[in-house]
PDB file of N, CA and C in Angstrom:
ATOM      1  N   MET A   1    -232.343-309.161 150.612  1.00  0.00           N
ATOM      2  CA  MET A   1    -232.131-308.354 151.801  1.00  0.00           C
ATOM      3  C   MET A   1    -233.296-307.440 151.961  1.00  0.00           C
ATOM      4  N   ASN A   2    -233.858-307.508 153.126  1.00  0.00           N
ATOM      5  CA  ASN A   2    -235.021-306.583 153.355  1.00  0.00           C
ATOM      6  C   ASN A   2    -234.655-305.176 153.712  1.00  0.00           C
ATOM      7  N   GLN A   3    -235.553-304.326 153.659  1.00  0.00           N
ATOM      8  CA  GLN A   3    -235.256-302.962 153.915  1.00  0.00           C
ATOM      9  C   GLN A   3    -234.667-302.552 155.282  1.00  0.00           C
ATOM     10  N   LEU A   4    -235.101-303.265 156.283  1.00  0.00           N
ATOM     11  CA  LEU A   4    -234.578-302.922 157.588  1.00  0.00           C
ATOM     12  C   LEU A   4    -233.060-303.335 157.728  1.00  0.00           C
ATOM     13  N   ASN A   5    -232.657-304.415 157.077  1.00  0.00           N
ATOM     14  CA  ASN A   5    -231.250-304.794 157.056  1.00  0.00           C
ATOM     15  C   ASN A   5    -230.501-303.967 156.154  1.00  0.00           C
ATOM     16  N   LYS A   6    -230.969-303.391 155.141  1.00  0.00           N
ATOM     17  CA  LYS A   6    -230.312-302.413 154.316  1.00  0.00           C
ATOM     18  C   LYS A   6    -229.917-301.170 155.152  1.00  0.00           C
ATOM     19  N   VAL A   7    -230.934-300.683 155.807  1.00  0.00           N
ATOM     20  CA  VAL A   7    -230.802-299.488 156.683  1.00  0.00           C
ATOM     21  C   VAL A   7    -229.810-299.706 157.808  1.00  0.00           C
ATOM     22  N   ARG A   8    -229.801-300.934 158.345  1.00  0.00           N
ATOM     23  CA  ARG A   8    -228.882-301.270 159.513  1.00  0.00           C
ATOM     24  C   ARG A   8    -227.386-301.342 158.843  1.00  0.00           C
ATOM     25  N   LEU A   9    -227.361-301.851 157.741  1.00  0.00           N
ATOM     26  CA  LEU A   9    -225.880-301.964 157.052  1.00  0.00           C
ATOM     27  C   LEU A   9    -225.425-300.529 156.726  1.00  0.00           C
ATOM     28  N   CYS A  10    -226.276-299.654 156.297  1.00  0.00           N
ATOM     29  CA  CYS A  10    -225.815-298.359 155.937  1.00  0.00           C
ATOM     30  C   CYS A  10    -225.572-297.587 157.246  1.00  0.00           C
ATOM     31  N   LEU A  11    -226.265-297.680 158.296  1.00  0.00           N
ATOM     32  CA  LEU A  11    -225.906-297.097 159.644  1.00  0.00           C
ATOM     33  C   LEU A  11    -224.523-297.709 160.103  1.00  0.00           C
ATOM     34  N   PHE A  12    -224.337-298.985 159.956  1.00  0.00           N
ATOM     35  CA  PHE A  12    -223.099-299.534 160.414  1.00  0.00           C
ATOM     36  C   PHE A  12    -221.876-299.003 159.560  1.00  0.00           C
ATOM     37  N   LEU A  13    -222.046-298.997 158.218  1.00  0.00           N
ATOM     38  CA  LEU A  13    -220.951-298.485 157.435  1.00  0.00           C
ATOM     39  C   LEU A  13    -220.714-296.960 157.775  1.00  0.00           C
ATOM     40  N   ASN A  14    -221.626-296.153 157.974  1.00  0.00           N
ATOM     41  CA  ASN A  14    -221.562-294.826 158.241  1.00  0.00           C
ATOM     42  C   ASN A  14    -220.888-294.611 159.617  1.00  0.00           C
ATOM     43  N   THR A  15    -221.102-295.456 160.608  1.00  0.00           N
ATOM     44  CA  THR A  15    -220.521-295.268 161.789  1.00  0.00           C
ATOM     45  C   THR A  15    -219.102-295.697 161.697  1.00  0.00           C
ATOM     46  N   CYS A  16    -218.770-296.785 161.066  1.00  0.00           N
ATOM     47  CA  CYS A  16    -217.384-297.079 160.747  1.00  0.00           C
ATOM     48  C   CYS A  16    -216.588-296.045 160.206  1.00  0.00           C
ATOM     49  N   LEU A  17    -217.179-295.300 159.129  1.00  0.00           N
ATOM     50  CA  LEU A  17    -216.631-294.366 158.325  1.00  0.00           C
ATOM     51  C   LEU A  17    -216.227-293.063 159.409  1.00  0.00           C
ATOM     52  N   VAL A  18    -217.197-292.779 160.086  1.00  0.00           N
ATOM     53  CA  VAL A  18    -216.924-291.604 161.083  1.00  0.00           C
ATOM     54  C   VAL A  18    -215.893-292.004 162.150  1.00  0.00           C
ATOM     55  N   VAL A  19    -215.796-293.190 162.618  1.00  0.00           N
ATOM     56  CA  VAL A  19    -214.766-293.523 163.470  1.00  0.00           C
ATOM     57  C   VAL A  19    -213.432-293.479 162.860  1.00  0.00           C
ATOM     58  N   PHE A  20    -213.358-294.146 161.606  1.00  0.00           N
ATOM     59  CA  PHE A  20    -212.107-294.079 160.816  1.00  0.00           C
ATOM     60  C   PHE A  20    -211.558-292.729 160.553  1.00  0.00           C
ATOM     61  N   ILE A  21    -212.492-291.794 160.177  1.00  0.00           N
ATOM     62  CA  ILE A  21    -212.063-290.461 159.831  1.00  0.00           C
ATOM     63  C   ILE A  21    -211.689-289.808 161.188  1.00  0.00           C
ATOM     64  N   GLY A  22    -212.431-289.953 162.292  1.00  0.00           N
ATOM     65  CA  GLY A  22    -212.070-289.365 163.544  1.00  0.00           C
ATOM     66  C   GLY A  22    -210.755-289.831 164.055  1.00  0.00           C
ATOM     67  N   PHE A  23    -210.566-291.139 163.836  1.00  0.00           N
ATOM     68  CA  PHE A  23    -209.160-291.598 164.358  1.00  0.00           C
ATOM     69  C   PHE A  23    -207.930-290.940 163.594  1.00  0.00           C
ATOM     70  N   TYR A  24    -208.112-290.800 162.351  1.00  0.00           N
ATOM     71  CA  TYR A  24    -207.054-290.193 161.606  1.00  0.00           C
ATOM     72  C   TYR A  24    -206.919-288.581 161.838  1.00  0.00           C
ATOM     73  N   ILE A  25    -207.922-287.994 162.093  1.00  0.00           N
ATOM     74  CA  ILE A  25    -207.929-286.543 162.517  1.00  0.00           C
ATOM     75  C   ILE A  25    -207.334-286.362 163.886  1.00  0.00           C
ATOM     76  N   THR A  26    -207.644-287.098 164.802  1.00  0.00           N
ATOM     77  CA  THR A  26    -207.065-286.922 166.148  1.00  0.00           C
ATOM     78  C   THR A  26    -205.688-287.461 166.218  1.00  0.00           C
ATOM     79  N   ASN A  27    -205.288-288.490 165.504  1.00  0.00           N
ATOM     80  CA  ASN A  27    -203.920-288.939 165.647  1.00  0.00           C
ATOM     81  C   ASN A  27    -202.942-288.159 164.743  1.00  0.00           C
ATOM     82  N   PHE A  28    -203.291-287.836 163.427  1.00  0.00           N
ATOM     83  CA  PHE A  28    -202.307-287.213 162.540  1.00  0.00           C
ATOM     84  C   PHE A  28    -202.385-285.725 162.413  1.00  0.00           C
ATOM     85  N   ALA A  29    -203.472-285.144 162.970  1.00  0.00           N
ATOM     86  CA  ALA A  29    -203.625-283.678 162.770  1.00  0.00           C
ATOM     87  C   ALA A  29    -203.683-282.970 164.145  1.00  0.00           C
ATOM     88  N   SER A  30    -203.026-283.468 165.123  1.00  0.00           N
ATOM     89  CA  SER A  30    -203.192-282.928 166.364  1.00  0.00           C
ATOM     90  C   SER A  30    -202.462-281.544 166.649  1.00  0.00           C
ATOM     91  N   ASP A  31    -201.533-281.336 165.717  1.00  0.00           N
ATOM     92  CA  ASP A  31    -200.818-279.897 165.787  1.00  0.00           C
ATOM     93  C   ASP A  31    -201.352-279.101 164.824  1.00  0.00           C
ATOM     94  N   SER A  32    -202.282-279.371 163.953  1.00  0.00           N
ATOM     95  CA  SER A  32    -202.798-278.547 163.018  1.00  0.00           C
ATOM     96  C   SER A  32    -203.839-277.434 163.505  1.00  0.00           C
ATOM     97  N   LYS A  33    -203.698-276.258 162.916  1.00  0.00           N
ATOM     98  CA  LYS A  33    -204.676-275.241 163.305  1.00  0.00           C
ATOM     99  C   LYS A  33    -206.103-275.381 162.687  1.00  0.00           C
ATOM    100  N   TYR A  34    -206.232-276.336 161.866  1.00  0.00           N
ATOM    101  CA  TYR A  34    -207.528-276.474 161.237  1.00  0.00           C
ATOM    102  C   TYR A  34    -208.468-277.455 162.016  1.00  0.00           C
ATOM    103  N   PHE A  35    -207.953-278.197 162.951  1.00  0.00           N
ATOM    104  CA  PHE A  35    -208.768-279.141 163.685  1.00  0.00           C
ATOM    105  C   PHE A  35    -208.700-278.657 165.191  1.00  0.00           C
ATOM    106  N   ARG A  36    -209.181-277.583 165.439  1.00  0.00           N
ATOM    107  CA  ARG A  36    -209.405-277.150 166.931  1.00  0.00           C
ATOM    108  C   ARG A  36    -210.703-276.815 167.190  1.00  0.00           C
ATOM    109  N   PHE A  37    -211.111-276.906 168.470  1.00  0.00           N
ATOM    110  CA  PHE A  37    -212.409-276.599 168.986  1.00  0.00           C
ATOM    111  C   PHE A  37    -212.268-275.357 169.891  1.00  0.00           C
ATOM    112  N   GLY A  38    -213.419-274.652 169.771  1.00  0.00           N
ATOM    113  CA  GLY A  38    -213.552-273.429 170.623  1.00  0.00           C
ATOM    114  C   GLY A  38    -212.888-272.194 170.035  1.00  0.00           C
ATOM    115  N   PRO A  39    -213.094-271.092 170.642  1.00  0.00           N
ATOM    116  CA  PRO A  39    -212.563-269.814 170.270  1.00  0.00           C
ATOM    117  C   PRO A  39    -211.017-269.754 170.254  1.00  0.00           C
ATOM    118  N   ASN A  40    -210.500-269.262 169.222  1.00  0.00           N
ATOM    119  CA  ASN A  40    -208.992-268.960 169.050  1.00  0.00           C
ATOM    120  C   ASN A  40    -208.761-267.611 168.382  1.00  0.00           C
ATOM    121  N   ASP A  41    -207.495-267.203 168.568  1.00  0.00           N
ATOM    122  CA  ASP A  41    -207.094-265.857 168.092  1.00  0.00           C
ATOM    123  C   ASP A  41    -207.045-265.908 166.607  1.00  0.00           C
ATOM    124  N   ASP A  42    -206.789-266.981 165.952  1.00  0.00           N
ATOM    125  CA  ASP A  42    -206.706-267.107 164.579  1.00  0.00           C
ATOM    126  C   ASP A  42    -207.958-267.775 163.762  1.00  0.00           C
ATOM    127  N   PHE A  43    -209.102-267.899 164.621  1.00  0.00           N
ATOM    128  CA  PHE A  43    -210.283-268.455 163.943  1.00  0.00           C
ATOM    129  C   PHE A  43    -211.056-267.322 163.375  1.00  0.00           C
ATOM    130  N   ILE A  44    -211.150-267.299 162.102  1.00  0.00           N
ATOM    131  CA  ILE A  44    -211.826-266.241 161.281  1.00  0.00           C
ATOM    132  C   ILE A  44    -212.924-266.976 160.519  1.00  0.00           C
ATOM    133  N   PHE A  45    -214.218-266.494 160.811  1.00  0.00           N
ATOM    134  CA  PHE A  45    -215.294-267.047 160.022  1.00  0.00           C
ATOM    135  C   PHE A  45    -215.983-265.877 159.390  1.00  0.00           C
ATOM    136  N   ILE A  46    -216.056-265.895 158.084  1.00  0.00           N
ATOM    137  CA  ILE A  46    -216.614-264.903 157.171  1.00  0.00           C
ATOM    138  C   ILE A  46    -216.169-263.537 157.612  1.00  0.00           C
ATOM    139  N   SER A  47    -214.826-263.289 157.750  1.00  0.00           N
ATOM    140  CA  SER A  47    -214.180-262.034 158.139  1.00  0.00           C
ATOM    141  C   SER A  47    -214.533-261.525 159.512  1.00  0.00           C
ATOM    142  N   VAL A  48    -214.981-262.488 160.339  1.00  0.00           N
ATOM    143  CA  VAL A  48    -215.191-262.177 161.856  1.00  0.00           C
ATOM    144  C   VAL A  48    -214.312-263.051 162.697  1.00  0.00           C
ATOM    145  N   GLN A  49    -213.475-262.402 163.475  1.00  0.00           N
ATOM    146  CA  GLN A  49    -212.550-263.141 164.312  1.00  0.00           C
ATOM    147  C   GLN A  49    -213.433-263.794 165.498  1.00  0.00           C
ATOM    148  N   ILE A  50    -213.301-265.041 165.645  1.00  0.00           N
ATOM    149  CA  ILE A  50    -214.128-265.693 166.743  1.00  0.00           C
ATOM    150  C   ILE A  50    -213.021-266.071 167.847  1.00  0.00           C
ATOM    151  N   ASP A  51    -212.917-265.104 168.769  1.00  0.00           N
ATOM    152  CA  ASP A  51    -211.888-265.138 169.906  1.00  0.00           C
ATOM    153  C   ASP A  51    -212.466-265.135 171.266  1.00  0.00           C
ATOM    154  N   THR A  52    -213.811-265.098 171.319  1.00  0.00           N
ATOM    155  CA  THR A  52    -214.339-265.141 172.661  1.00  0.00           C
ATOM    156  C   THR A  52    -215.390-266.189 172.634  1.00  0.00           C
ATOM    157  N   THR A  53    -215.716-266.779 173.967  1.00  0.00           N
ATOM    158  CA  THR A  53    -216.698-267.711 174.062  1.00  0.00           C
ATOM    159  C   THR A  53    -218.072-267.295 173.718  1.00  0.00           C
ATOM    160  N   GLN A  54    -218.435-265.962 173.791  1.00  0.00           N
ATOM    161  CA  GLN A  54    -219.704-265.493 173.382  1.00  0.00           C
ATOM    162  C   GLN A  54    -219.841-265.533 171.717  1.00  0.00           C
ATOM    163  N   LYS A  55    -218.795-265.158 171.126  1.00  0.00           N
ATOM    164  CA  LYS A  55    -218.824-265.266 169.680  1.00  0.00           C
ATOM    165  C   LYS A  55    -218.854-266.710 169.262  1.00  0.00           C
ATOM    166  N   TYR A  56    -218.181-267.497 169.874  1.00  0.00           N
ATOM    167  CA  TYR A  56    -218.142-268.984 169.525  1.00  0.00           C
ATOM    168  C   TYR A  56    -219.605-269.547 169.586  1.00  0.00           C
ATOM    169  N   CYS A  57    -220.128-269.225 170.845  1.00  0.00           N
ATOM    170  CA  CYS A  57    -221.633-269.689 171.080  1.00  0.00           C
ATOM    171  C   CYS A  57    -222.616-269.266 170.047  1.00  0.00           C
ATOM    172  N   SER A  58    -222.403-267.915 169.721  1.00  0.00           N
ATOM    173  CA  SER A  58    -223.251-267.264 168.762  1.00  0.00           C
ATOM    174  C   SER A  58    -223.004-267.868 167.422  1.00  0.00           C
ATOM    175  N   LEU A  59    -221.822-268.356 167.008  1.00  0.00           N
ATOM    176  CA  LEU A  59    -221.617-268.953 165.811  1.00  0.00           C
ATOM    177  C   LEU A  59    -222.227-270.325 165.734  1.00  0.00           C
ATOM    178  N   LEU A  60    -222.138-271.089 166.914  1.00  0.00           N
ATOM    179  CA  LEU A  60    -222.723-272.386 167.054  1.00  0.00           C
ATOM    180  C   LEU A  60    -224.200-272.320 166.904  1.00  0.00           C
ATOM    181  N   THR A  61    -224.926-271.337 167.504  1.00  0.00           N
ATOM    182  CA  THR A  61    -226.256-271.030 167.460  1.00  0.00           C
ATOM    183  C   THR A  61    -226.709-270.732 166.033  1.00  0.00           C
ATOM    184  N   LEU A  62    -225.991-269.815 165.313  1.00  0.00           N
ATOM    185  CA  LEU A  62    -226.276-269.640 163.948  1.00  0.00           C
ATOM    186  C   LEU A  62    -226.187-270.847 163.085  1.00  0.00           C
ATOM    187  N   ILE A  63    -225.170-271.730 163.278  1.00  0.00           N
ATOM    188  CA  ILE A  63    -225.143-272.948 162.404  1.00  0.00           C
ATOM    189  C   ILE A  63    -226.313-273.794 162.823  1.00  0.00           C
ATOM    190  N   PHE A  64    -226.664-273.975 163.996  1.00  0.00           N
ATOM    191  CA  PHE A  64    -227.756-274.916 164.398  1.00  0.00           C
ATOM    192  C   PHE A  64    -229.097-274.327 163.841  1.00  0.00           C
ATOM    193  N   VAL A  65    -229.313-273.046 163.941  1.00  0.00           N
ATOM    194  CA  VAL A  65    -230.580-272.477 163.379  1.00  0.00           C
ATOM    195  C   VAL A  65    -230.715-272.638 161.886  1.00  0.00           C
ATOM    196  N   ASN A  66    -229.527-272.411 161.242  1.00  0.00           N
ATOM    197  CA  ASN A  66    -229.463-272.557 159.748  1.00  0.00           C
ATOM    198  C   ASN A  66    -229.877-274.097 159.456  1.00  0.00           C
ATOM    199  N   ASP A  67    -229.227-275.075 160.254  1.00  0.00           N
ATOM    200  CA  ASP A  67    -229.523-276.368 159.807  1.00  0.00           C
ATOM    201  C   ASP A  67    -231.006-276.800 160.100  1.00  0.00           C
ATOM    202  N   VAL A  68    -231.497-276.313 161.212  1.00  0.00           N
ATOM    203  CA  VAL A  68    -232.964-276.613 161.556  1.00  0.00           C
ATOM    204  C   VAL A  68    -233.864-275.974 160.467  1.00  0.00           C
ATOM    205  N   VAL A  69    -233.610-274.779 160.021  1.00  0.00           N
ATOM    206  CA  VAL A  69    -234.478-274.189 158.964  1.00  0.00           C
ATOM    207  C   VAL A  69    -234.325-274.839 157.600  1.00  0.00           C
ATOM    208  N   ARG A  70    -233.202-275.505 157.321  1.00  0.00           N
ATOM    209  CA  ARG A  70    -233.023-276.135 156.051  1.00  0.00           C
ATOM    210  C   ARG A  70    -233.661-277.543 156.163  1.00  0.00           C
ATOM    211  N   VAL A  71    -233.651-278.255 157.339  1.00  0.00           N
ATOM    212  CA  VAL A  71    -234.320-279.537 157.418  1.00  0.00           C
ATOM    213  C   VAL A  71    -235.955-279.229 157.337  1.00  0.00           C
ATOM    214  N   VAL A  72    -236.456-278.240 157.919  1.00  0.00           N
ATOM    215  CA  VAL A  72    -237.845-277.926 157.934  1.00  0.00           C
ATOM    216  C   VAL A  72    -238.273-277.736 156.518  1.00  0.00           C
ATOM    217  N   ILE A  73    -237.424-276.940 155.717  1.00  0.00           N
ATOM    218  CA  ILE A  73    -237.871-276.653 154.393  1.00  0.00           C
ATOM    219  C   ILE A  73    -237.846-277.840 153.496  1.00  0.00           C
ATOM    220  N   GLN A  74    -236.808-278.722 153.766  1.00  0.00           N
ATOM    221  CA  GLN A  74    -236.730-279.922 152.948  1.00  0.00           C
ATOM    222  C   GLN A  74    -237.757-280.978 153.306  1.00  0.00           C
ATOM    223  N   GLU A  75    -238.145-281.022 154.526  1.00  0.00           N
ATOM    224  CA  GLU A  75    -239.225-282.028 155.052  1.00  0.00           C
ATOM    225  C   GLU A  75    -240.586-281.633 154.720  1.00  0.00           C
ATOM    226  N   PHE A  76    -240.918-280.345 154.817  1.00  0.00           N
ATOM    227  CA  PHE A  76    -242.226-279.872 154.670  1.00  0.00           C
ATOM    228  C   PHE A  76    -242.537-279.100 153.379  1.00  0.00           C
ATOM    229  N   GLY A  77    -241.665-278.318 152.843  1.00  0.00           N
ATOM    230  CA  GLY A  77    -241.816-277.543 151.694  1.00  0.00           C
ATOM    231  C   GLY A  77    -241.654-278.321 150.382  1.00  0.00           C
ATOM    232  N   SER A  78    -240.541-279.012 150.376  1.00  0.00           N
ATOM    233  CA  SER A  78    -240.215-279.731 149.218  1.00  0.00           C
ATOM    234  C   SER A  78    -241.137-280.834 148.776  1.00  0.00           C
ATOM    235  N   PRO A  79    -241.767-281.640 149.706  1.00  0.00           N
ATOM    236  CA  PRO A  79    -242.782-282.591 149.161  1.00  0.00           C
ATOM    237  C   PRO A  79    -243.940-281.998 148.575  1.00  0.00           C
ATOM    238  N   VAL A  80    -244.380-280.888 149.212  1.00  0.00           N
ATOM    239  CA  VAL A  80    -245.616-280.244 148.707  1.00  0.00           C
ATOM    240  C   VAL A  80    -245.391-279.672 147.261  1.00  0.00           C
ATOM    241  N   LEU A  81    -244.267-279.066 147.036  1.00  0.00           N
ATOM    242  CA  LEU A  81    -243.938-278.667 145.606  1.00  0.00           C
ATOM    243  C   LEU A  81    -243.782-279.768 144.625  1.00  0.00           C
ATOM    244  N   PHE A  82    -242.962-280.777 144.979  1.00  0.00           N
ATOM    245  CA  PHE A  82    -242.669-281.840 144.049  1.00  0.00           C
ATOM    246  C   PHE A  82    -243.817-282.767 143.829  1.00  0.00           C
ATOM    247  N   MET A  83    -244.572-283.160 144.906  1.00  0.00           N
ATOM    248  CA  MET A  83    -245.667-284.103 144.740  1.00  0.00           C
ATOM    249  C   MET A  83    -246.766-283.580 143.934  1.00  0.00           C
ATOM    250  N   ASN A  84    -246.941-282.233 143.886  1.00  0.00           N
ATOM    251  CA  ASN A  84    -247.954-281.664 143.178  1.00  0.00           C
ATOM    252  C   ASN A  84    -247.605-281.650 141.590  1.00  0.00           C
ATOM    253  N   VAL A  85    -246.253-281.694 141.302  1.00  0.00           N
ATOM    254  CA  VAL A  85    -245.824-281.723 139.947  1.00  0.00           C
ATOM    255  C   VAL A  85    -245.900-283.232 139.566  1.00  0.00           C
ATOM    256  N   TYR A  86    -245.396-284.045 140.363  1.00  0.00           N
ATOM    257  CA  TYR A  86    -245.253-285.486 139.849  1.00  0.00           C
ATOM    258  C   TYR A  86    -246.368-286.341 140.235  1.00  0.00           C
ATOM    259  N   ASN A  87    -247.497-285.831 140.686  1.00  0.00           N
ATOM    260  CA  ASN A  87    -248.620-286.754 141.010  1.00  0.00           C
ATOM    261  C   ASN A  87    -249.183-287.218 139.681  1.00  0.00           C
ATOM    262  N   PRO A  88    -249.189-288.510 139.472  1.00  0.00           N
ATOM    263  CA  PRO A  88    -249.819-289.041 138.205  1.00  0.00           C
ATOM    264  C   PRO A  88    -251.335-289.013 138.133  1.00  0.00           C
ATOM    265  N   ASP A  89    -251.961-288.766 139.326  1.00  0.00           N
ATOM    266  CA  ASP A  89    -253.433-288.799 139.349  1.00  0.00           C
ATOM    267  C   ASP A  89    -253.957-287.475 138.986  1.00  0.00           C
ATOM    268  N   LYS A  90    -253.192-286.385 139.103  1.00  0.00           N
ATOM    269  CA  LYS A  90    -253.694-285.092 138.712  1.00  0.00           C
ATOM    270  C   LYS A  90    -253.154-284.730 137.309  1.00  0.00           C
ATOM    271  N   LYS A  91    -254.240-284.295 136.607  1.00  0.00           N
ATOM    272  CA  LYS A  91    -254.027-283.861 135.232  1.00  0.00           C
ATOM    273  C   LYS A  91    -253.817-282.321 135.169  1.00  0.00           C
ATOM    274  N   GLU A  92    -254.280-281.656 135.995  1.00  0.00           N
ATOM    275  CA  GLU A  92    -254.086-280.153 136.026  1.00  0.00           C
ATOM    276  C   GLU A  92    -253.857-279.730 137.492  1.00  0.00           C
ATOM    277  N   ILE A  93    -252.809-278.858 137.573  1.00  0.00           N
ATOM    278  CA  ILE A  93    -252.322-278.388 138.943  1.00  0.00           C
ATOM    279  C   ILE A  93    -253.117-277.077 139.203  1.00  0.00           C
ATOM    280  N   THR A  94    -253.885-277.008 140.309  1.00  0.00           N
ATOM    281  CA  THR A  94    -254.696-275.847 140.477  1.00  0.00           C
ATOM    282  C   THR A  94    -254.294-275.171 141.774  1.00  0.00           C
ATOM    283  N   GLU A  95    -253.487-275.713 142.597  1.00  0.00           N
ATOM    284  CA  GLU A  95    -253.103-275.210 143.871  1.00  0.00           C
ATOM    285  C   GLU A  95    -252.078-274.027 143.730  1.00  0.00           C
ATOM    286  N   PHE A  96    -251.217-274.184 142.697  1.00  0.00           N
ATOM    287  CA  PHE A  96    -250.178-273.174 142.440  1.00  0.00           C
ATOM    288  C   PHE A  96    -250.184-272.656 141.027  1.00  0.00           C
ATOM    289  N   SER A  97    -249.774-271.409 140.869  1.00  0.00           N
ATOM    290  CA  SER A  97    -249.688-270.876 139.443  1.00  0.00           C
ATOM    291  C   SER A  97    -248.300-271.231 138.882  1.00  0.00           C
ATOM    292  N   LYS A  98    -248.090-270.908 137.647  1.00  0.00           N
ATOM    293  CA  LYS A  98    -246.804-271.097 137.034  1.00  0.00           C
ATOM    294  C   LYS A  98    -245.728-270.321 137.651  1.00  0.00           C
ATOM    295  N   LEU A  99    -246.025-269.113 138.031  1.00  0.00           N
ATOM    296  CA  LEU A  99    -245.000-268.341 138.542  1.00  0.00           C
ATOM    297  C   LEU A  99    -244.645-268.809 140.037  1.00  0.00           C
ATOM    298  N   HIS A 100    -245.545-269.443 140.812  1.00  0.00           N
ATOM    299  CA  HIS A 100    -245.145-270.200 142.030  1.00  0.00           C
ATOM    300  C   HIS A 100    -244.185-271.279 141.808  1.00  0.00           C
ATOM    301  N   TYR A 101    -244.420-272.049 140.709  1.00  0.00           N
ATOM    302  CA  TYR A 101    -243.477-273.065 140.491  1.00  0.00           C
ATOM    303  C   TYR A 101    -242.198-272.747 139.992  1.00  0.00           C
ATOM    304  N   ILE A 102    -242.036-271.488 139.373  1.00  0.00           N
ATOM    305  CA  ILE A 102    -240.704-270.962 138.923  1.00  0.00           C
ATOM    306  C   ILE A 102    -240.034-270.387 140.040  1.00  0.00           C
ATOM    307  N   PHE A 103    -240.610-269.640 140.960  1.00  0.00           N
ATOM    308  CA  PHE A 103    -239.881-268.885 141.987  1.00  0.00           C
ATOM    309  C   PHE A 103    -239.750-269.537 143.313  1.00  0.00           C
ATOM    310  N   MET A 104    -240.817-270.403 143.745  1.00  0.00           N
ATOM    311  CA  MET A 104    -240.765-271.070 144.985  1.00  0.00           C
ATOM    312  C   MET A 104    -239.559-271.983 145.109  1.00  0.00           C
ATOM    313  N   PRO A 105    -239.305-272.912 144.226  1.00  0.00           N
ATOM    314  CA  PRO A 105    -238.092-273.793 144.429  1.00  0.00           C
ATOM    315  C   PRO A 105    -236.781-273.082 144.483  1.00  0.00           C
ATOM    316  N   ILE A 106    -236.806-271.987 143.790  1.00  0.00           N
ATOM    317  CA  ILE A 106    -235.439-271.057 143.876  1.00  0.00           C
ATOM    318  C   ILE A 106    -235.305-270.469 145.179  1.00  0.00           C
ATOM    319  N   LEU A 107    -236.337-269.882 145.812  1.00  0.00           N
ATOM    320  CA  LEU A 107    -236.334-269.315 147.038  1.00  0.00           C
ATOM    321  C   LEU A 107    -236.173-270.336 148.174  1.00  0.00           C
ATOM    322  N   CYS A 108    -236.728-271.548 147.980  1.00  0.00           N
ATOM    323  CA  CYS A 108    -236.524-272.562 149.003  1.00  0.00           C
ATOM    324  C   CYS A 108    -235.173-273.234 149.063  1.00  0.00           C
ATOM    325  N   PHE A 109    -234.481-273.257 148.052  1.00  0.00           N
ATOM    326  CA  PHE A 109    -233.267-274.094 147.911  1.00  0.00           C
ATOM    327  C   PHE A 109    -232.033-273.113 147.845  1.00  0.00           C
ATOM    328  N   TYR A 110    -232.073-271.858 147.659  1.00  0.00           N
ATOM    329  CA  TYR A 110    -230.951-270.957 147.587  1.00  0.00           C
ATOM    330  C   TYR A 110    -231.081-269.810 148.508  1.00  0.00           C
TER     331      TYR A 110
END
């Protein structure tokens, strides 16, 4: 099986899983207070009551910005750090000091 078919199979299985889970959430949890969308009187996120549209939009913006920052860190920062360590052609790492390699991964991932 070539690489493209493997990716297609994974995407198909992921889509089936999302549809399957979505079906059960919408059919069996319609009265639950855990699967609601939008602001509600009993929606509390990190001790903040999300009961207005402005608070809800602010929360969605916060989540979006958080995800974008995490993706940028993982796509641009991680390869630079890890490829300098695992590069078999380099015998001595000169771009970063030992303290950089101790603290930078901690700051990037936590």
